[in-house]
Amino acid sequence: MDRQQSRADRLIHQFDTVLRTLAPHAASPQRVSPAKDVTGERLDDHERRHAAGLMRIHHTGGVCLQGLYQGQGITAQLPHARKQMEQSALEKIDHLAWCDERLEQLHSRTSYLNPLFYIAGFGIGAATGAVSDRVSLGFLAAAEEQAGKSLDLHQQSLPAGDACSRTILRQMAIDETHHAHIALEAGGLRFPAPIKWLMHLGAKMVTRGVYHF
């Protein structure tokens, strides 16, 4: 039987997660990168910069979602909802590590804006969790759905020869779909289309800045 975590245990876990999310090269994946054995064609400078910009976007997306999970985990009212968020957040660490590794291979870096986006995600997660688990899980499902659509779009936008980045984004998209499904199955509210549209606009504003910075 698992030992009941104290408030101090949870705070220590939260601090460790923040470090693994924001510190460069600190994320330790549970799963090996799906691109480990993939070889791609040589990219020219323009293609490399474009691929790096897209991978930076999705690394920052993982940072936002990690903040969202952590904020919701603090205010979640039901143990099963908190446990589900913690498990999905662990898989987000894989995404951060894979994107970070790929960015290094592309001679690039993660976004300077990541701390701001983590704080924003954490605040939204805590706020929705304080309303109800149904709302927080529904927001999470909608956010994962938006991330999955972006991943699908950017797989097509990557340079034709960048099989490594494309393989990583493909697996991330599969995971996002799975996380969204689990959040809804756990009782999440299905958000209406207008709210999802507003979330999509917010995500577009984030991607424009992160692509370069």
N, C-alpha and C. Protein backbone atom coordinates (compact mmCIF):
# COMPACT_ATOMS: atom_id res chain seq x y z
N MET A 1 0.84 -1.20 0.00
CA MET A 1 0.00 0.00 0.00
C MET A 1 0.88 1.25 0.00
N ASP A 2 0.54 2.24 -0.84
CA ASP A 2 1.32 3.45 -0.90
C ASP A 2 1.14 4.27 0.38
N ARG A 3 2.25 4.87 0.83
CA ARG A 3 2.19 5.72 2.01
C ARG A 3 1.48 7.01 1.66
N GLN A 4 0.60 7.47 2.58
CA GLN A 4 -0.10 8.72 2.36
C GLN A 4 0.89 9.87 2.38
N GLN A 5 0.87 10.69 1.36
CA GLN A 5 1.80 11.80 1.30
C GLN A 5 1.35 12.94 2.20
N SER A 6 2.32 13.52 2.92
CA SER A 6 2.04 14.68 3.74
C SER A 6 2.12 15.94 2.88
N ARG A 7 1.73 17.08 3.46
CA ARG A 7 1.84 18.34 2.72
C ARG A 7 3.30 18.64 2.38
N ALA A 8 4.21 18.31 3.34
CA ALA A 8 5.64 18.53 3.07
C ALA A 8 6.13 17.66 1.91
N ASP A 9 5.66 16.41 1.86
CA ASP A 9 6.03 15.53 0.75
C ASP A 9 5.59 16.12 -0.59
N ARG A 10 4.38 16.64 -0.63
CA ARG A 10 3.85 17.19 -1.87
C ARG A 10 4.60 18.45 -2.28
N LEU A 11 4.99 19.28 -1.30
CA LEU A 11 5.75 20.48 -1.61
C LEU A 11 7.12 20.14 -2.18
N ILE A 12 7.76 19.13 -1.60
CA ILE A 12 9.07 18.69 -2.09
C ILE A 12 8.93 18.17 -3.53
N HIS A 13 7.86 17.39 -3.76
CA HIS A 13 7.62 16.86 -5.10
C HIS A 13 7.37 17.99 -6.09
N GLN A 14 6.60 19.00 -5.66
CA GLN A 14 6.32 20.13 -6.53
C GLN A 14 7.60 20.87 -6.89
N PHE A 15 8.47 21.09 -5.91
CA PHE A 15 9.72 21.81 -6.15
C PHE A 15 10.61 21.03 -7.11
N ASP A 16 10.66 19.71 -6.92
CA ASP A 16 11.46 18.87 -7.81
C ASP A 16 10.93 18.94 -9.24
N THR A 17 9.62 18.95 -9.39
CA THR A 17 9.01 19.01 -10.71
C THR A 17 9.30 20.34 -11.39
N VAL A 18 9.23 21.43 -10.61
CA VAL A 18 9.54 22.75 -11.17
C VAL A 18 10.98 22.78 -11.70
N LEU A 19 11.91 22.23 -10.94
CA LEU A 19 13.31 22.20 -11.38
C LEU A 19 13.46 21.38 -12.65
N ARG A 20 12.82 20.22 -12.69
CA ARG A 20 12.95 19.36 -13.88
C ARG A 20 12.27 19.97 -15.10
N THR A 21 11.29 20.84 -14.85
CA THR A 21 10.58 21.49 -15.95
C THR A 21 11.34 22.67 -16.52
N LEU A 22 11.95 23.48 -15.64
CA LEU A 22 12.52 24.75 -16.08
C LEU A 22 14.04 24.75 -16.21
N ALA A 23 14.74 23.92 -15.44
CA ALA A 23 16.20 23.92 -15.53
C ALA A 23 16.65 23.25 -16.83
N PRO A 24 17.58 23.85 -17.57
CA PRO A 24 18.04 23.25 -18.83
C PRO A 24 18.60 21.85 -18.64
N HIS A 25 18.16 20.93 -19.46
CA HIS A 25 18.65 19.54 -19.51
C HIS A 25 18.39 18.77 -18.19
N ALA A 26 17.45 19.24 -17.38
CA ALA A 26 17.20 18.58 -16.08
C ALA A 26 16.13 17.50 -16.16
N ALA A 27 15.32 17.51 -17.19
CA ALA A 27 14.24 16.53 -17.30
C ALA A 27 14.81 15.15 -17.62
N SER A 28 14.41 14.16 -16.82
CA SER A 28 14.87 12.78 -17.03
C SER A 28 13.68 11.94 -17.49
N PRO A 29 13.68 11.51 -18.74
CA PRO A 29 12.51 10.79 -19.27
C PRO A 29 12.41 9.37 -18.73
N GLN A 30 11.18 8.90 -18.57
CA GLN A 30 10.95 7.50 -18.23
C GLN A 30 11.04 6.62 -19.47
N ARG A 31 10.72 7.20 -20.62
CA ARG A 31 10.75 6.47 -21.88
C ARG A 31 11.87 7.00 -22.76
N VAL A 32 12.47 6.12 -23.51
CA VAL A 32 13.51 6.51 -24.46
C VAL A 32 12.87 7.33 -25.57
N SER A 33 13.60 8.30 -26.08
CA SER A 33 13.07 9.12 -27.18
C SER A 33 12.66 8.24 -28.35
N PRO A 34 11.48 8.49 -28.91
CA PRO A 34 11.04 7.69 -30.08
C PRO A 34 11.94 7.88 -31.29
N ALA A 35 12.77 8.94 -31.28
CA ALA A 35 13.66 9.21 -32.41
C ALA A 35 15.06 8.66 -32.19
N LYS A 36 15.23 7.84 -31.15
CA LYS A 36 16.56 7.35 -30.80
C LYS A 36 17.27 6.67 -31.98
N ASP A 37 16.56 5.86 -32.71
CA ASP A 37 17.17 5.09 -33.81
C ASP A 37 16.78 5.61 -35.19
N VAL A 38 16.26 6.85 -35.21
CA VAL A 38 15.82 7.43 -36.48
C VAL A 38 16.94 8.29 -37.06
N THR A 39 17.17 8.13 -38.33
CA THR A 39 18.15 8.97 -39.01
C THR A 39 17.44 9.83 -40.05
N GLY A 40 17.88 11.07 -40.17
CA GLY A 40 17.26 11.97 -41.13
C GLY A 40 18.28 12.56 -42.08
N GLU A 41 17.79 13.24 -43.07
CA GLU A 41 18.68 13.88 -44.03
C GLU A 41 19.31 15.13 -43.41
N ARG A 42 20.41 15.57 -43.97
CA ARG A 42 21.08 16.76 -43.49
C ARG A 42 20.21 17.99 -43.78
N LEU A 43 20.08 18.88 -42.80
CA LEU A 43 19.26 20.08 -42.96
C LEU A 43 20.14 21.28 -43.24
N ASP A 44 19.67 22.18 -44.12
CA ASP A 44 20.40 23.43 -44.31
C ASP A 44 20.07 24.38 -43.16
N ASP A 45 20.71 25.53 -43.11
CA ASP A 45 20.54 26.44 -41.96
C ASP A 45 19.10 26.91 -41.80
N HIS A 46 18.43 27.20 -42.90
CA HIS A 46 17.03 27.65 -42.81
C HIS A 46 16.14 26.54 -42.27
N GLU A 47 16.32 25.33 -42.77
CA GLU A 47 15.51 24.20 -42.31
C GLU A 47 15.79 23.90 -40.84
N ARG A 48 17.05 23.98 -40.45
CA ARG A 48 17.41 23.71 -39.06
C ARG A 48 16.77 24.72 -38.12
N ARG A 49 16.82 26.00 -38.49
CA ARG A 49 16.22 27.04 -37.64
C ARG A 49 14.71 26.87 -37.55
N HIS A 50 14.08 26.50 -38.67
CA HIS A 50 12.63 26.30 -38.67
C HIS A 50 12.26 25.11 -37.79
N ALA A 51 12.98 24.01 -37.93
CA ALA A 51 12.71 22.83 -37.10
C ALA A 51 12.91 23.16 -35.62
N ALA A 52 13.97 23.92 -35.32
CA ALA A 52 14.23 24.30 -33.93
C ALA A 52 13.10 25.17 -33.37
N GLY A 53 12.60 26.09 -34.21
CA GLY A 53 11.50 26.93 -33.76
C GLY A 53 10.26 26.13 -33.41
N LEU A 54 9.95 25.12 -34.23
CA LEU A 54 8.79 24.27 -33.96
C LEU A 54 9.00 23.41 -32.72
N MET A 55 10.19 22.86 -32.56
CA MET A 55 10.46 22.05 -31.38
C MET A 55 10.44 22.90 -30.12
N ARG A 56 10.89 24.15 -30.23
CA ARG A 56 10.84 25.06 -29.08
C ARG A 56 9.40 25.36 -28.69
N ILE A 57 8.54 25.53 -29.69
CA ILE A 57 7.12 25.75 -29.41
C ILE A 57 6.55 24.61 -28.59
N HIS A 58 6.86 23.38 -28.97
CA HIS A 58 6.25 22.24 -28.29
C HIS A 58 6.93 21.93 -26.95
N HIS A 59 8.18 22.34 -26.81
CA HIS A 59 8.79 22.25 -25.48
C HIS A 59 8.07 23.21 -24.54
N THR A 60 7.84 24.44 -25.00
CA THR A 60 7.12 25.41 -24.17
C THR A 60 5.69 24.98 -23.91
N GLY A 61 5.07 24.35 -24.91
CA GLY A 61 3.72 23.80 -24.69
C GLY A 61 3.72 22.79 -23.57
N GLY A 62 4.78 21.95 -23.52
CA GLY A 62 4.90 21.00 -22.43
C GLY A 62 5.09 21.68 -21.09
N VAL A 63 5.83 22.80 -21.09
CA VAL A 63 6.03 23.57 -19.86
C VAL A 63 4.69 24.12 -19.36
N CYS A 64 3.91 24.70 -20.29
CA CYS A 64 2.58 25.23 -19.93
C CYS A 64 1.69 24.13 -19.34
N LEU A 65 1.66 22.98 -20.01
CA LEU A 65 0.82 21.89 -19.54
C LEU A 65 1.31 21.34 -18.21
N GLN A 66 2.61 21.32 -18.03
CA GLN A 66 3.15 20.86 -16.75
C GLN A 66 2.72 21.79 -15.62
N GLY A 67 2.77 23.10 -15.87
CA GLY A 67 2.29 24.06 -14.88
C GLY A 67 0.81 23.86 -14.60
N LEU A 68 0.05 23.61 -15.67
CA LEU A 68 -1.39 23.37 -15.52
C LEU A 68 -1.66 22.16 -14.64
N TYR A 69 -0.95 21.06 -14.90
CA TYR A 69 -1.12 19.85 -14.10
C TYR A 69 -0.75 20.09 -12.64
N GLN A 70 0.36 20.80 -12.41
CA GLN A 70 0.81 21.02 -11.04
C GLN A 70 -0.16 21.91 -10.28
N GLY A 71 -0.67 22.94 -10.94
CA GLY A 71 -1.65 23.82 -10.29
C GLY A 71 -2.93 23.09 -9.97
N GLN A 72 -3.40 22.28 -10.89
CA GLN A 72 -4.63 21.52 -10.66
C GLN A 72 -4.43 20.47 -9.58
N GLY A 73 -3.23 19.88 -9.53
CA GLY A 73 -2.97 18.85 -8.53
C GLY A 73 -3.04 19.38 -7.12
N ILE A 74 -2.70 20.65 -6.93
CA ILE A 74 -2.73 21.25 -5.60
C ILE A 74 -4.17 21.46 -5.12
N THR A 75 -5.04 21.86 -6.04
CA THR A 75 -6.41 22.20 -5.65
C THR A 75 -7.43 21.11 -5.96
N ALA A 76 -7.01 20.01 -6.59
CA ALA A 76 -7.94 18.91 -6.89
C ALA A 76 -8.59 18.41 -5.61
N GLN A 77 -9.89 18.19 -5.67
CA GLN A 77 -10.64 17.83 -4.47
C GLN A 77 -10.75 16.33 -4.27
N LEU A 78 -10.70 15.56 -5.35
CA LEU A 78 -10.84 14.11 -5.24
C LEU A 78 -9.49 13.43 -5.46
N PRO A 79 -9.14 12.44 -4.63
CA PRO A 79 -7.84 11.76 -4.75
C PRO A 79 -7.60 11.16 -6.12
N HIS A 80 -8.65 10.57 -6.74
CA HIS A 80 -8.43 9.93 -8.04
C HIS A 80 -8.07 10.95 -9.11
N ALA A 81 -8.64 12.17 -9.01
CA ALA A 81 -8.33 13.22 -9.97
C ALA A 81 -6.88 13.67 -9.80
N ARG A 82 -6.45 13.84 -8.55
CA ARG A 82 -5.08 14.25 -8.28
C ARG A 82 -4.09 13.20 -8.78
N LYS A 83 -4.41 11.93 -8.56
CA LYS A 83 -3.52 10.85 -8.98
C LYS A 83 -3.40 10.81 -10.50
N GLN A 84 -4.52 11.02 -11.20
CA GLN A 84 -4.50 11.02 -12.65
C GLN A 84 -3.64 12.16 -13.19
N MET A 85 -3.75 13.33 -12.58
CA MET A 85 -2.96 14.48 -13.01
C MET A 85 -1.48 14.23 -12.80
N GLU A 86 -1.14 13.61 -11.69
CA GLU A 86 0.27 13.32 -11.39
C GLU A 86 0.86 12.36 -12.42
N GLN A 87 0.10 11.35 -12.82
CA GLN A 87 0.59 10.38 -13.79
C GLN A 87 0.79 11.02 -15.16
N SER A 88 -0.17 11.82 -15.58
CA SER A 88 -0.04 12.49 -16.87
C SER A 88 1.11 13.49 -16.85
N ALA A 89 1.32 14.16 -15.72
CA ALA A 89 2.43 15.11 -15.60
C ALA A 89 3.77 14.41 -15.73
N LEU A 90 3.87 13.19 -15.23
CA LEU A 90 5.12 12.43 -15.38
C LEU A 90 5.42 12.18 -16.85
N GLU A 91 4.40 11.87 -17.63
CA GLU A 91 4.61 11.63 -19.05
C GLU A 91 4.98 12.93 -19.78
N LYS A 92 4.54 14.08 -19.25
CA LYS A 92 4.94 15.36 -19.83
C LYS A 92 6.45 15.59 -19.67
N ILE A 93 7.05 15.05 -18.60
CA ILE A 93 8.49 15.16 -18.43
C ILE A 93 9.21 14.50 -19.60
N ASP A 94 8.67 13.38 -20.08
CA ASP A 94 9.24 12.72 -21.26
C ASP A 94 9.27 13.69 -22.45
N HIS A 95 8.15 14.38 -22.66
CA HIS A 95 8.06 15.31 -23.78
C HIS A 95 9.09 16.42 -23.66
N LEU A 96 9.24 16.94 -22.45
CA LEU A 96 10.22 18.01 -22.24
C LEU A 96 11.63 17.52 -22.55
N ALA A 97 11.95 16.32 -22.08
CA ALA A 97 13.28 15.77 -22.30
C ALA A 97 13.54 15.50 -23.78
N TRP A 98 12.55 14.95 -24.47
CA TRP A 98 12.73 14.65 -25.89
C TRP A 98 12.94 15.93 -26.70
N CYS A 99 12.12 16.96 -26.43
CA CYS A 99 12.25 18.22 -27.17
C CYS A 99 13.57 18.91 -26.84
N ASP A 100 13.95 18.88 -25.57
CA ASP A 100 15.21 19.50 -25.15
C ASP A 100 16.38 18.84 -25.87
N GLU A 101 16.37 17.51 -25.91
CA GLU A 101 17.44 16.77 -26.58
C GLU A 101 17.49 17.11 -28.07
N ARG A 102 16.32 17.17 -28.69
CA ARG A 102 16.29 17.46 -30.13
C ARG A 102 16.76 18.89 -30.41
N LEU A 103 16.38 19.83 -29.56
CA LEU A 103 16.84 21.21 -29.72
C LEU A 103 18.36 21.29 -29.64
N GLU A 104 18.94 20.53 -28.74
CA GLU A 104 20.40 20.52 -28.63
C GLU A 104 21.02 19.96 -29.90
N GLN A 105 20.41 18.92 -30.45
CA GLN A 105 20.91 18.34 -31.70
C GLN A 105 20.82 19.34 -32.85
N LEU A 106 19.83 20.23 -32.79
CA LEU A 106 19.64 21.25 -33.82
C LEU A 106 20.44 22.52 -33.52
N HIS A 107 21.31 22.44 -32.50
CA HIS A 107 22.17 23.56 -32.11
C HIS A 107 21.33 24.77 -31.70
N SER A 108 20.27 24.50 -30.94
CA SER A 108 19.39 25.57 -30.49
C SER A 108 19.13 25.41 -29.00
N ARG A 109 18.10 26.05 -28.50
CA ARG A 109 17.84 26.11 -27.06
C ARG A 109 16.33 26.18 -26.81
N THR A 110 15.97 26.02 -25.54
CA THR A 110 14.58 26.18 -25.14
C THR A 110 14.26 27.67 -25.01
N SER A 111 12.99 28.00 -24.82
CA SER A 111 12.56 29.39 -24.81
C SER A 111 12.96 30.12 -23.53
N TYR A 112 13.36 31.38 -23.68
CA TYR A 112 13.64 32.23 -22.52
C TYR A 112 12.36 32.53 -21.74
N LEU A 113 11.21 32.36 -22.37
CA LEU A 113 9.93 32.74 -21.77
C LEU A 113 9.30 31.62 -20.94
N ASN A 114 9.96 30.47 -20.85
CA ASN A 114 9.36 29.32 -20.17
C ASN A 114 8.91 29.59 -18.73
N PRO A 115 9.70 30.30 -17.90
CA PRO A 115 9.23 30.54 -16.53
C PRO A 115 7.89 31.27 -16.48
N LEU A 116 7.70 32.24 -17.39
CA LEU A 116 6.44 32.98 -17.42
C LEU A 116 5.28 32.08 -17.79
N PHE A 117 5.50 31.20 -18.76
CA PHE A 117 4.43 30.31 -19.19
C PHE A 117 4.13 29.23 -18.15
N TYR A 118 5.15 28.81 -17.41
CA TYR A 118 4.89 27.84 -16.33
C TYR A 118 4.02 28.48 -15.26
N ILE A 119 4.35 29.71 -14.88
CA ILE A 119 3.58 30.42 -13.85
C ILE A 119 2.14 30.61 -14.32
N ALA A 120 1.98 31.00 -15.59
CA ALA A 120 0.63 31.20 -16.13
C ALA A 120 -0.16 29.89 -16.10
N GLY A 121 0.47 28.80 -16.54
CA GLY A 121 -0.20 27.51 -16.52
C GLY A 121 -0.56 27.07 -15.11
N PHE A 122 0.36 27.29 -14.19
CA PHE A 122 0.11 26.91 -12.79
C PHE A 122 -1.08 27.69 -12.23
N GLY A 123 -1.12 29.00 -12.52
CA GLY A 123 -2.22 29.82 -12.01
C GLY A 123 -3.56 29.38 -12.57
N ILE A 124 -3.61 29.10 -13.87
CA ILE A 124 -4.86 28.65 -14.49
C ILE A 124 -5.28 27.29 -13.91
N GLY A 125 -4.30 26.40 -13.75
CA GLY A 125 -4.61 25.08 -13.20
C GLY A 125 -5.16 25.15 -11.80
N ALA A 126 -4.53 25.98 -10.96
CA ALA A 126 -4.99 26.13 -9.57
C ALA A 126 -6.38 26.74 -9.53
N ALA A 127 -6.63 27.72 -10.40
CA ALA A 127 -7.93 28.38 -10.41
C ALA A 127 -9.05 27.44 -10.85
N THR A 128 -8.82 26.69 -11.93
CA THR A 128 -9.85 25.77 -12.40
C THR A 128 -10.06 24.62 -11.41
N GLY A 129 -8.97 24.18 -10.78
CA GLY A 129 -9.09 23.13 -9.78
C GLY A 129 -9.88 23.58 -8.57
N ALA A 130 -9.76 24.87 -8.21
CA ALA A 130 -10.49 25.41 -7.07
C ALA A 130 -11.99 25.48 -7.35
N VAL A 131 -12.36 25.59 -8.64
CA VAL A 131 -13.78 25.62 -9.00
C VAL A 131 -14.39 24.24 -8.79
N SER A 132 -13.81 23.25 -9.47
CA SER A 132 -14.26 21.86 -9.30
C SER A 132 -13.35 20.95 -10.10
N ASP A 133 -13.31 19.68 -9.71
CA ASP A 133 -12.52 18.72 -10.47
C ASP A 133 -13.08 18.56 -11.87
N ARG A 134 -14.39 18.65 -12.02
CA ARG A 134 -15.00 18.48 -13.34
C ARG A 134 -14.55 19.57 -14.30
N VAL A 135 -14.50 20.81 -13.81
CA VAL A 135 -14.05 21.93 -14.64
C VAL A 135 -12.56 21.81 -14.94
N SER A 136 -11.75 21.47 -13.92
CA SER A 136 -10.30 21.40 -14.13
C SER A 136 -9.93 20.28 -15.10
N LEU A 137 -10.59 19.14 -14.98
CA LEU A 137 -10.33 18.04 -15.90
C LEU A 137 -10.80 18.39 -17.31
N GLY A 138 -11.92 19.12 -17.40
CA GLY A 138 -12.41 19.54 -18.71
C GLY A 138 -11.47 20.53 -19.37
N PHE A 139 -10.94 21.47 -18.59
CA PHE A 139 -9.99 22.43 -19.15
C PHE A 139 -8.73 21.71 -19.61
N LEU A 140 -8.31 20.75 -18.81
CA LEU A 140 -7.13 19.97 -19.17
C LEU A 140 -7.35 19.21 -20.48
N ALA A 141 -8.51 18.59 -20.61
CA ALA A 141 -8.82 17.84 -21.84
C ALA A 141 -8.81 18.77 -23.05
N ALA A 142 -9.39 19.96 -22.90
CA ALA A 142 -9.43 20.92 -24.00
C ALA A 142 -8.03 21.40 -24.36
N ALA A 143 -7.19 21.62 -23.34
CA ALA A 143 -5.81 22.06 -23.59
C ALA A 143 -5.01 20.98 -24.31
N GLU A 144 -5.21 19.73 -23.89
CA GLU A 144 -4.51 18.62 -24.54
C GLU A 144 -4.98 18.47 -25.99
N GLU A 145 -6.27 18.69 -26.21
CA GLU A 145 -6.81 18.60 -27.57
C GLU A 145 -6.18 19.66 -28.47
N GLN A 146 -6.06 20.90 -27.95
CA GLN A 146 -5.43 21.97 -28.71
C GLN A 146 -3.98 21.65 -29.01
N ALA A 147 -3.27 21.09 -28.02
CA ALA A 147 -1.87 20.73 -28.21
C ALA A 147 -1.74 19.65 -29.28
N GLY A 148 -2.65 18.68 -29.28
CA GLY A 148 -2.61 17.62 -30.26
C GLY A 148 -2.81 18.13 -31.68
N LYS A 149 -3.72 19.09 -31.85
CA LYS A 149 -3.95 19.67 -33.17
C LYS A 149 -2.71 20.41 -33.67
N SER A 150 -2.08 21.14 -32.76
CA SER A 150 -0.86 21.86 -33.13
C SER A 150 0.26 20.91 -33.52
N LEU A 151 0.37 19.81 -32.79
CA LEU A 151 1.39 18.80 -33.11
C LEU A 151 1.14 18.19 -34.49
N ASP A 152 -0.10 17.90 -34.79
CA ASP A 152 -0.42 17.34 -36.10
C ASP A 152 -0.07 18.33 -37.22
N LEU A 153 -0.39 19.60 -37.01
CA LEU A 153 -0.11 20.63 -38.01
C LEU A 153 1.39 20.79 -38.24
N HIS A 154 2.16 20.81 -37.15
CA HIS A 154 3.59 21.06 -37.27
C HIS A 154 4.36 19.85 -37.80
N GLN A 155 3.80 18.67 -37.69
CA GLN A 155 4.44 17.52 -38.35
C GLN A 155 4.51 17.74 -39.86
N GLN A 156 3.48 18.37 -40.40
CA GLN A 156 3.44 18.65 -41.84
C GLN A 156 4.34 19.82 -42.21
N SER A 157 4.56 20.74 -41.25
CA SER A 157 5.34 21.94 -41.52
C SER A 157 6.85 21.72 -41.40
N LEU A 158 7.24 20.64 -40.75
CA LEU A 158 8.67 20.36 -40.59
C LEU A 158 9.34 20.13 -41.95
N PRO A 159 10.64 20.40 -42.06
CA PRO A 159 11.35 20.09 -43.30
C PRO A 159 11.19 18.61 -43.65
N ALA A 160 11.11 18.33 -44.92
CA ALA A 160 10.85 16.96 -45.39
C ALA A 160 11.87 15.96 -44.86
N GLY A 161 13.12 16.40 -44.69
CA GLY A 161 14.16 15.48 -44.25
C GLY A 161 14.32 15.34 -42.76
N ASP A 162 13.49 16.05 -41.98
CA ASP A 162 13.65 15.99 -40.51
C ASP A 162 12.77 14.89 -39.91
N ALA A 163 13.19 13.65 -40.15
CA ALA A 163 12.42 12.51 -39.63
C ALA A 163 12.50 12.42 -38.11
N CYS A 164 13.61 12.89 -37.51
CA CYS A 164 13.76 12.80 -36.06
C CYS A 164 12.71 13.65 -35.34
N SER A 165 12.61 14.92 -35.71
CA SER A 165 11.63 15.80 -35.07
C SER A 165 10.21 15.31 -35.32
N ARG A 166 9.95 14.86 -36.55
CA ARG A 166 8.61 14.40 -36.91
C ARG A 166 8.20 13.18 -36.07
N THR A 167 9.13 12.28 -35.82
CA THR A 167 8.84 11.09 -35.02
C THR A 167 8.51 11.47 -33.58
N ILE A 168 9.24 12.44 -33.05
CA ILE A 168 8.97 12.91 -31.68
C ILE A 168 7.60 13.54 -31.59
N LEU A 169 7.28 14.43 -32.52
CA LEU A 169 5.98 15.11 -32.49
C LEU A 169 4.84 14.12 -32.68
N ARG A 170 5.06 13.10 -33.49
CA ARG A 170 4.01 12.10 -33.70
C ARG A 170 3.68 11.37 -32.39
N GLN A 171 4.70 10.97 -31.65
CA GLN A 171 4.46 10.28 -30.38
C GLN A 171 3.84 11.22 -29.36
N MET A 172 4.26 12.47 -29.35
CA MET A 172 3.66 13.44 -28.44
C MET A 172 2.18 13.62 -28.74
N ALA A 173 1.82 13.65 -30.02
CA ALA A 173 0.42 13.80 -30.40
C ALA A 173 -0.41 12.62 -29.92
N ILE A 174 0.15 11.42 -30.03
CA ILE A 174 -0.54 10.22 -29.53
C ILE A 174 -0.78 10.34 -28.03
N ASP A 175 0.25 10.79 -27.31
CA ASP A 175 0.13 10.94 -25.85
C ASP A 175 -0.91 11.99 -25.49
N GLU A 176 -0.93 13.12 -26.22
CA GLU A 176 -1.89 14.18 -25.91
C GLU A 176 -3.33 13.69 -26.08
N THR A 177 -3.56 12.94 -27.14
CA THR A 177 -4.90 12.39 -27.36
C THR A 177 -5.29 11.46 -26.22
N HIS A 178 -4.35 10.66 -25.78
CA HIS A 178 -4.60 9.74 -24.67
C HIS A 178 -4.91 10.51 -23.39
N HIS A 179 -4.13 11.55 -23.11
CA HIS A 179 -4.35 12.34 -21.89
C HIS A 179 -5.71 13.04 -21.92
N ALA A 180 -6.09 13.57 -23.08
CA ALA A 180 -7.39 14.23 -23.18
C ALA A 180 -8.52 13.24 -22.94
N HIS A 181 -8.39 12.04 -23.50
CA HIS A 181 -9.42 11.00 -23.33
C HIS A 181 -9.54 10.61 -21.85
N ILE A 182 -8.41 10.44 -21.19
CA ILE A 182 -8.43 10.04 -19.78
C ILE A 182 -9.09 11.12 -18.92
N ALA A 183 -8.76 12.39 -19.22
CA ALA A 183 -9.34 13.49 -18.44
C ALA A 183 -10.86 13.52 -18.58
N LEU A 184 -11.36 13.28 -19.77
CA LEU A 184 -12.81 13.25 -19.98
C LEU A 184 -13.43 12.02 -19.31
N GLU A 185 -12.75 10.88 -19.41
CA GLU A 185 -13.26 9.66 -18.78
C GLU A 185 -13.30 9.80 -17.26
N ALA A 186 -12.40 10.62 -16.72
CA ALA A 186 -12.36 10.81 -15.27
C ALA A 186 -13.46 11.76 -14.79
N GLY A 187 -14.24 12.29 -15.71
CA GLY A 187 -15.35 13.15 -15.33
C GLY A 187 -15.22 14.58 -15.79
N GLY A 188 -14.26 14.86 -16.67
CA GLY A 188 -14.06 16.22 -17.15
C GLY A 188 -15.23 16.75 -17.95
N LEU A 189 -15.48 18.04 -17.81
CA LEU A 189 -16.55 18.71 -18.54
C LEU A 189 -16.11 18.92 -19.99
N ARG A 190 -16.99 18.62 -20.94
CA ARG A 190 -16.69 18.88 -22.34
C ARG A 190 -16.94 20.35 -22.63
N PHE A 191 -15.88 21.09 -22.90
CA PHE A 191 -16.00 22.52 -23.12
C PHE A 191 -16.65 22.80 -24.47
N PRO A 192 -17.47 23.85 -24.55
CA PRO A 192 -18.12 24.20 -25.82
C PRO A 192 -17.11 24.79 -26.81
N ALA A 193 -17.48 24.80 -28.07
CA ALA A 193 -16.60 25.26 -29.15
C ALA A 193 -16.09 26.69 -28.96
N PRO A 194 -16.93 27.66 -28.51
CA PRO A 194 -16.41 29.04 -28.35
C PRO A 194 -15.24 29.13 -27.36
N ILE A 195 -15.29 28.36 -26.28
CA ILE A 195 -14.19 28.39 -25.32
C ILE A 195 -12.94 27.77 -25.93
N LYS A 196 -13.13 26.68 -26.66
CA LYS A 196 -11.97 26.06 -27.32
C LYS A 196 -11.36 27.01 -28.35
N TRP A 197 -12.20 27.79 -29.02
CA TRP A 197 -11.70 28.76 -30.00
C TRP A 197 -10.85 29.83 -29.32
N LEU A 198 -11.31 30.30 -28.16
CA LEU A 198 -10.53 31.29 -27.40
C LEU A 198 -9.20 30.70 -26.94
N MET A 199 -9.22 29.45 -26.53
CA MET A 199 -7.98 28.77 -26.13
C MET A 199 -7.04 28.67 -27.32
N HIS A 200 -7.60 28.41 -28.49
CA HIS A 200 -6.78 28.30 -29.70
C HIS A 200 -6.11 29.64 -30.02
N LEU A 201 -6.84 30.74 -29.86
CA LEU A 201 -6.26 32.06 -30.10
C LEU A 201 -5.13 32.34 -29.11
N GLY A 202 -5.34 31.98 -27.86
CA GLY A 202 -4.29 32.17 -26.85
C GLY A 202 -3.04 31.36 -27.19
N ALA A 203 -3.24 30.14 -27.66
CA ALA A 203 -2.11 29.30 -28.02
C ALA A 203 -1.34 29.88 -29.20
N LYS A 204 -2.05 30.48 -30.16
CA LYS A 204 -1.39 31.08 -31.31
C LYS A 204 -0.51 32.26 -30.89
N MET A 205 -0.97 33.03 -29.92
CA MET A 205 -0.18 34.16 -29.42
C MET A 205 1.11 33.67 -28.77
N VAL A 206 1.01 32.55 -28.06
CA VAL A 206 2.19 31.97 -27.42
C VAL A 206 3.19 31.50 -28.47
N THR A 207 2.72 30.80 -29.48
CA THR A 207 3.63 30.20 -30.45
C THR A 207 4.39 31.23 -31.26
N ARG A 208 3.78 32.37 -31.52
CA ARG A 208 4.47 33.40 -32.33
C ARG A 208 5.72 33.91 -31.63
N GLY A 209 5.64 34.11 -30.33
CA GLY A 209 6.80 34.61 -29.61
C GLY A 209 7.83 33.52 -29.35
N VAL A 210 7.37 32.34 -29.00
CA VAL A 210 8.27 31.26 -28.61
C VAL A 210 9.06 30.74 -29.81
N TYR A 211 8.50 30.79 -31.00
CA TYR A 211 9.20 30.32 -32.20
C TYR A 211 10.59 30.96 -32.32
N HIS A 212 10.67 32.23 -31.95
CA HIS A 212 11.94 32.96 -32.07
C HIS A 212 12.70 33.07 -30.75
N PHE A 213 11.96 33.17 -29.65
CA PHE A 213 12.60 33.45 -28.35
C PHE A 213 12.42 32.33 -27.33
